Amino acid sequence: MSKKNEKRKRNLEREKANARTAIVPMIAAIVFLALGAIGFFRNSGALKEYEASADIRTVEAAVTDTKCTDNTVGDRTWYTHLRYEVDGRTYNDTATLHTHSVNVGERVDIEVYQRPNGEYAIPEITNSSELAAENILNILSLAVGAVLTAASVVWLASSLRKIKALESKIQPDEKENA
């Protein structure tokens, strides 16, 4: 076997390994695409559920726990655990409040809606502008997934093209012909 043929075989094995490596970004792309799509469906479903609710009302809720998540000047953002009552039934839920301060035990007015199962919940998304804001990360996830898909397909196609070219240049072993 010639040295040139041996080198071609080594290059062929290297390209096959390179083609197998292209699977990693494809898997990452699938994950990003799935997360973006799931996020879109989840957020759209939450808005549709809220809009279809027969009972949307404002109730008074007690703050049971709170954490400041954005401490900028003026209104701050608070992640709060709330306990509220609707039609004699007590619910526990979480909400993000935008106000100067929130203390445990304080009472706040919140909007709740009746879900299809009859339970009440604090809405995550109440209008299309909130939906658009919530979907920004989903859009980024889909974009990253699309870029990774394109890059991995180009990478794989290039490797497969090189593999085909190398396979056509490799001479069969003389021992195999005998």
C-alpha atoms as a PDB file:
ATOM      1  CA  MET A   1       0.000   0.000   0.000  1.00  0.00           C
ATOM      2  CA  SER A   2       1.348   3.426  -0.909  1.00  0.00           C
ATOM      3  CA  LYS A   3       2.030   6.112   1.640  1.00  0.00           C
ATOM      4  CA  LYS A   4      -0.372   8.398  -0.176  1.00  0.00           C
ATOM      5  CA  ASN A   5      -3.148   5.838   0.164  1.00  0.00           C
ATOM      6  CA  GLU A   6      -2.387   5.384   3.891  1.00  0.00           C
ATOM      7  CA  LYS A   7      -2.572   9.148   4.364  1.00  0.00           C
ATOM      8  CA  ARG A   8      -5.941   9.222   2.572  1.00  0.00           C
ATOM      9  CA  LYS A   9      -7.252   6.492   4.895  1.00  0.00           C
ATOM     10  CA  ARG A  10      -6.130   8.448   7.966  1.00  0.00           C
ATOM     11  CA  ASN A  11      -7.766  11.575   6.566  1.00  0.00           C
ATOM     12  CA  LEU A  12     -10.941   9.567   5.906  1.00  0.00           C
ATOM     13  CA  GLU A  13     -11.079   8.405   9.535  1.00  0.00           C
ATOM     14  CA  ARG A  14     -10.492  11.977  10.718  1.00  0.00           C
ATOM     15  CA  GLU A  15     -13.355  13.247   8.545  1.00  0.00           C
ATOM     16  CA  LYS A  16     -15.675  10.503   9.791  1.00  0.00           C
ATOM     17  CA  ALA A  17     -14.893  11.566  13.373  1.00  0.00           C
ATOM     18  CA  ASN A  18     -15.472  15.196  12.372  1.00  0.00           C
ATOM     19  CA  ALA A  19     -18.872  14.246  10.911  1.00  0.00           C
ATOM     20  CA  ARG A  20     -19.834  12.466  14.133  1.00  0.00           C
ATOM     21  CA  THR A  21     -18.840  15.580  16.090  1.00  0.00           C
ATOM     22  CA  ALA A  22     -21.370  17.630  14.077  1.00  0.00           C
ATOM     23  CA  ILE A  23     -24.112  15.770  15.953  1.00  0.00           C
ATOM     24  CA  VAL A  24     -23.367  17.690  19.182  1.00  0.00           C
ATOM     25  CA  PRO A  25     -24.465  21.102  17.853  1.00  0.00           C
ATOM     26  CA  MET A  26     -27.465  19.429  16.198  1.00  0.00           C
ATOM     27  CA  ILE A  27     -28.592  18.089  19.575  1.00  0.00           C
ATOM     28  CA  ALA A  28     -28.077  21.532  21.143  1.00  0.00           C
ATOM     29  CA  ALA A  29     -30.072  23.070  18.278  1.00  0.00           C
ATOM     30  CA  ILE A  30     -32.937  20.652  18.864  1.00  0.00           C
ATOM     31  CA  VAL A  31     -32.956  21.582  22.568  1.00  0.00           C
ATOM     32  CA  PHE A  32     -33.033  25.329  21.819  1.00  0.00           C
ATOM     33  CA  LEU A  33     -35.759  24.903  19.187  1.00  0.00           C
ATOM     34  CA  ALA A  34     -37.853  22.756  21.528  1.00  0.00           C
ATOM     35  CA  LEU A  35     -37.496  25.184  24.451  1.00  0.00           C
ATOM     36  CA  GLY A  36     -38.453  28.136  22.256  1.00  0.00           C
ATOM     37  CA  ALA A  37     -41.491  26.356  20.824  1.00  0.00           C
ATOM     38  CA  ILE A  38     -42.643  25.077  24.222  1.00  0.00           C
ATOM     39  CA  GLY A  39     -42.283  28.585  25.656  1.00  0.00           C
ATOM     40  CA  PHE A  40     -44.379  30.072  22.848  1.00  0.00           C
ATOM     41  CA  PHE A  41     -47.146  27.498  23.293  1.00  0.00           C
ATOM     42  CA  ARG A  42     -47.103  27.836  27.091  1.00  0.00           C
ATOM     43  CA  ASN A  43     -47.270  31.641  27.039  1.00  0.00           C
ATOM     44  CA  SER A  44     -49.933  31.730  24.326  1.00  0.00           C
ATOM     45  CA  GLY A  45     -51.964  29.144  26.232  1.00  0.00           C
ATOM     46  CA  ALA A  46     -51.706  31.177  29.443  1.00  0.00           C
ATOM     47  CA  LEU A  47     -53.016  34.300  27.684  1.00  0.00           C
ATOM     48  CA  LYS A  48     -55.847  32.386  25.967  1.00  0.00           C
ATOM     49  CA  GLU A  49     -56.832  30.784  29.277  1.00  0.00           C
ATOM     50  CA  TYR A  50     -56.936  34.207  30.948  1.00  0.00           C
ATOM     51  CA  GLU A  51     -58.926  35.798  28.111  1.00  0.00           C
ATOM     52  CA  ALA A  52     -61.427  32.909  28.057  1.00  0.00           C
ATOM     53  CA  SER A  53     -62.038  33.061  31.807  1.00  0.00           C
ATOM     54  CA  ALA A  54     -65.633  33.744  32.809  1.00  0.00           C
ATOM     55  CA  ASP A  55     -64.600  35.210  36.175  1.00  0.00           C
ATOM     56  CA  ILE A  56     -61.839  37.793  36.497  1.00  0.00           C
ATOM     57  CA  ARG A  57     -61.847  39.793  39.713  1.00  0.00           C
ATOM     58  CA  THR A  58     -59.688  41.778  42.099  1.00  0.00           C
ATOM     59  CA  VAL A  59     -59.220  40.366  45.594  1.00  0.00           C
ATOM     60  CA  GLU A  60     -57.220  41.310  48.656  1.00  0.00           C
ATOM     61  CA  ALA A  61     -54.193  39.110  49.362  1.00  0.00           C
ATOM     62  CA  ALA A  62     -51.835  38.843  52.310  1.00  0.00           C
ATOM     63  CA  VAL A  63     -48.094  38.835  51.607  1.00  0.00           C
ATOM     64  CA  THR A  64     -46.632  35.709  53.237  1.00  0.00           C
ATOM     65  CA  ASP A  65     -43.065  36.058  51.912  1.00  0.00           C
ATOM     66  CA  THR A  66     -41.252  38.562  49.752  1.00  0.00           C
ATOM     67  CA  LYS A  67     -37.910  39.126  48.082  1.00  0.00           C
ATOM     68  CA  CYS A  68     -36.706  42.259  46.304  1.00  0.00           C
ATOM     69  CA  THR A  69     -35.429  41.248  42.854  1.00  0.00           C
ATOM     70  CA  ASP A  70     -34.760  44.705  41.383  1.00  0.00           C
ATOM     71  CA  ASN A  71     -33.654  47.484  43.713  1.00  0.00           C
ATOM     72  CA  THR A  72     -33.520  50.452  41.325  1.00  0.00           C
ATOM     73  CA  VAL A  73     -34.519  53.945  42.358  1.00  0.00           C
ATOM     74  CA  GLY A  74     -38.289  54.448  42.474  1.00  0.00           C
ATOM     75  CA  ASP A  75     -40.493  51.404  42.093  1.00  0.00           C
ATOM     76  CA  ARG A  76     -38.797  48.136  42.968  1.00  0.00           C
ATOM     77  CA  THR A  77     -39.633  44.635  41.756  1.00  0.00           C
ATOM     78  CA  TRP A  78     -40.735  42.193  44.445  1.00  0.00           C
ATOM     79  CA  TYR A  79     -41.225  38.453  44.072  1.00  0.00           C
ATOM     80  CA  THR A  80     -43.965  37.695  46.587  1.00  0.00           C
ATOM     81  CA  HIS A  81     -45.842  34.708  47.966  1.00  0.00           C
ATOM     82  CA  LEU A  82     -49.475  35.596  48.497  1.00  0.00           C
ATOM     83  CA  ARG A  83     -52.457  34.051  50.278  1.00  0.00           C
ATOM     84  CA  TYR A  84     -55.911  35.089  49.128  1.00  0.00           C
ATOM     85  CA  GLU A  85     -59.469  33.917  49.448  1.00  0.00           C
ATOM     86  CA  VAL A  86     -62.114  33.553  46.726  1.00  0.00           C
ATOM     87  CA  ASP A  87     -65.643  32.354  47.515  1.00  0.00           C
ATOM     88  CA  GLY A  88     -64.566  30.985  50.902  1.00  0.00           C
ATOM     89  CA  ARG A  89     -61.616  28.984  49.524  1.00  0.00           C
ATOM     90  CA  THR A  90     -58.003  29.936  50.347  1.00  0.00           C
ATOM     91  CA  TYR A  91     -55.322  29.946  47.636  1.00  0.00           C
ATOM     92  CA  ASN A  92     -51.551  30.359  47.778  1.00  0.00           C
ATOM     93  CA  ASP A  93     -49.780  31.754  44.738  1.00  0.00           C
ATOM     94  CA  THR A  94     -46.853  33.923  43.708  1.00  0.00           C
ATOM     95  CA  ALA A  95     -46.741  37.248  41.924  1.00  0.00           C
ATOM     96  CA  THR A  96     -44.261  39.908  40.943  1.00  0.00           C
ATOM     97  CA  LEU A  97     -45.204  43.298  42.354  1.00  0.00           C
ATOM     98  CA  HIS A  98     -43.788  46.608  41.196  1.00  0.00           C
ATOM     99  CA  THR A  99     -43.938  49.027  44.106  1.00  0.00           C
ATOM    100  CA  HIS A 100     -41.676  50.974  46.450  1.00  0.00           C
ATOM    101  CA  SER A 101     -41.901  48.438  49.271  1.00  0.00           C
ATOM    102  CA  VAL A 102     -43.749  45.274  50.279  1.00  0.00           C
ATOM    103  CA  ASN A 103     -43.654  43.751  53.741  1.00  0.00           C
ATOM    104  CA  VAL A 104     -44.731  40.350  55.044  1.00  0.00           C
ATOM    105  CA  GLY A 105     -48.255  40.616  56.451  1.00  0.00           C
ATOM    106  CA  GLU A 106     -49.139  43.572  54.242  1.00  0.00           C
ATOM    107  CA  ARG A 107     -52.378  43.327  52.252  1.00  0.00           C
ATOM    108  CA  VAL A 108     -52.370  44.060  48.521  1.00  0.00           C
ATOM    109  CA  ASP A 109     -55.036  44.024  45.820  1.00  0.00           C
ATOM    110  CA  ILE A 110     -54.390  41.477  43.085  1.00  0.00           C
ATOM    111  CA  GLU A 111     -56.259  40.311  40.028  1.00  0.00           C
ATOM    112  CA  VAL A 112     -57.236  36.635  39.851  1.00  0.00           C
ATOM    113  CA  TYR A 113     -59.076  34.607  37.234  1.00  0.00           C
ATOM    114  CA  GLN A 114     -60.953  31.340  37.233  1.00  0.00           C
ATOM    115  CA  ARG A 115     -59.114  28.574  35.397  1.00  0.00           C
ATOM    116  CA  PRO A 116     -61.004  25.940  33.370  1.00  0.00           C
ATOM    117  CA  ASN A 117     -60.725  23.496  36.301  1.00  0.00           C
ATOM    118  CA  GLY A 118     -62.591  25.946  38.575  1.00  0.00           C
ATOM    119  CA  GLU A 119     -59.530  26.975  40.594  1.00  0.00           C
ATOM    120  CA  TYR A 120     -58.453  30.615  40.836  1.00  0.00           C
ATOM    121  CA  ALA A 121     -54.975  31.812  39.948  1.00  0.00           C
ATOM    122  CA  ILE A 122     -53.000  35.016  39.521  1.00  0.00           C
ATOM    123  CA  PRO A 123     -52.521  35.588  35.770  1.00  0.00           C
ATOM    124  CA  GLU A 124     -48.974  35.481  34.402  1.00  0.00           C
ATOM    125  CA  ILE A 125     -49.897  37.244  31.152  1.00  0.00           C
ATOM    126  CA  THR A 126     -52.923  39.507  30.733  1.00  0.00           C
ATOM    127  CA  ASN A 127     -52.455  41.151  27.316  1.00  0.00           C
ATOM    128  CA  SER A 128     -50.577  40.849  24.032  1.00  0.00           C
ATOM    129  CA  SER A 129     -47.833  43.319  24.997  1.00  0.00           C
ATOM    130  CA  GLU A 130     -46.991  41.220  28.058  1.00  0.00           C
ATOM    131  CA  LEU A 131     -47.050  38.159  25.801  1.00  0.00           C
ATOM    132  CA  ALA A 132     -44.553  39.786  23.452  1.00  0.00           C
ATOM    133  CA  ALA A 133     -42.264  40.698  26.354  1.00  0.00           C
ATOM    134  CA  GLU A 134     -42.460  37.159  27.762  1.00  0.00           C
ATOM    135  CA  ASN A 135     -41.654  35.671  24.348  1.00  0.00           C
ATOM    136  CA  ILE A 136     -38.359  37.533  23.886  1.00  0.00           C
ATOM    137  CA  LEU A 137     -36.370  34.645  25.373  1.00  0.00           C
ATOM    138  CA  ASN A 138     -38.341  32.195  23.250  1.00  0.00           C
ATOM    139  CA  ILE A 139     -37.451  34.167  20.127  1.00  0.00           C
ATOM    140  CA  LEU A 140     -33.781  34.157  21.137  1.00  0.00           C
ATOM    141  CA  SER A 141     -33.935  30.427  21.803  1.00  0.00           C
ATOM    142  CA  LEU A 142     -35.450  29.783  18.379  1.00  0.00           C
ATOM    143  CA  ALA A 143     -32.842  32.017  16.717  1.00  0.00           C
ATOM    144  CA  VAL A 144     -29.960  30.222  18.453  1.00  0.00           C
ATOM    145  CA  GLY A 145     -31.500  26.885  17.491  1.00  0.00           C
ATOM    146  CA  ALA A 146     -31.811  27.967  13.854  1.00  0.00           C
ATOM    147  CA  VAL A 147     -28.200  29.201  13.720  1.00  0.00           C
ATOM    148  CA  LEU A 148     -26.907  26.006  15.339  1.00  0.00           C
ATOM    149  CA  THR A 149     -28.978  23.909  12.940  1.00  0.00           C
ATOM    150  CA  ALA A 150     -27.635  25.776   9.918  1.00  0.00           C
ATOM    151  CA  ALA A 151     -24.046  25.601  11.164  1.00  0.00           C
ATOM    152  CA  SER A 152     -24.204  21.902  11.967  1.00  0.00           C
ATOM    153  CA  VAL A 153     -25.844  21.060   8.622  1.00  0.00           C
ATOM    154  CA  VAL A 154     -23.126  22.986   6.751  1.00  0.00           C
ATOM    155  CA  TRP A 155     -20.460  21.300   8.882  1.00  0.00           C
ATOM    156  CA  LEU A 156     -21.928  17.829   8.307  1.00  0.00           C
ATOM    157  CA  ALA A 157     -22.437  18.401   4.563  1.00  0.00           C
ATOM    158  CA  SER A 158     -18.830  19.557   4.219  1.00  0.00           C
ATOM    159  CA  SER A 159     -17.555  16.516   6.109  1.00  0.00           C
ATOM    160  CA  LEU A 160     -19.700  14.138   4.054  1.00  0.00           C
ATOM    161  CA  ARG A 161     -18.470  15.736   0.829  1.00  0.00           C
ATOM    162  CA  LYS A 162     -14.851  15.281   1.959  1.00  0.00           C
ATOM    163  CA  ILE A 163     -15.560  11.679   3.003  1.00  0.00           C
ATOM    164  CA  LYS A 164     -17.034  10.883  -0.415  1.00  0.00           C
ATOM    165  CA  ALA A 165     -14.053  12.462  -2.193  1.00  0.00           C
ATOM    166  CA  LEU A 166     -11.547  10.566  -0.045  1.00  0.00           C
ATOM    167  CA  GLU A 167     -13.362   7.244  -0.479  1.00  0.00           C
ATOM    168  CA  SER A 168     -13.223   7.625  -4.251  1.00  0.00           C
ATOM    169  CA  LYS A 169      -9.452   8.309  -4.147  1.00  0.00           C
ATOM    170  CA  ILE A 170      -8.493   5.427  -1.849  1.00  0.00           C
ATOM    171  CA  GLN A 171      -7.061   2.473  -3.745  1.00  0.00           C
ATOM    172  CA  PRO A 172      -8.225  -0.982  -2.672  1.00  0.00           C
ATOM    173  CA  ASP A 173      -5.564  -3.004  -0.843  1.00  0.00           C
ATOM    174  CA  GLU A 174      -3.578  -5.344  -3.046  1.00  0.00           C
ATOM    175  CA  LYS A 175      -4.073  -8.106  -0.466  1.00  0.00           C
ATOM    176  CA  GLU A 176      -7.844  -7.805  -0.800  1.00  0.00           C
ATOM    177  CA  ASN A 177      -7.621  -8.306  -4.585  1.00  0.00           C
ATOM    178  CA  ALA A 178      -5.538 -11.491  -4.353  1.00  0.00           C
END
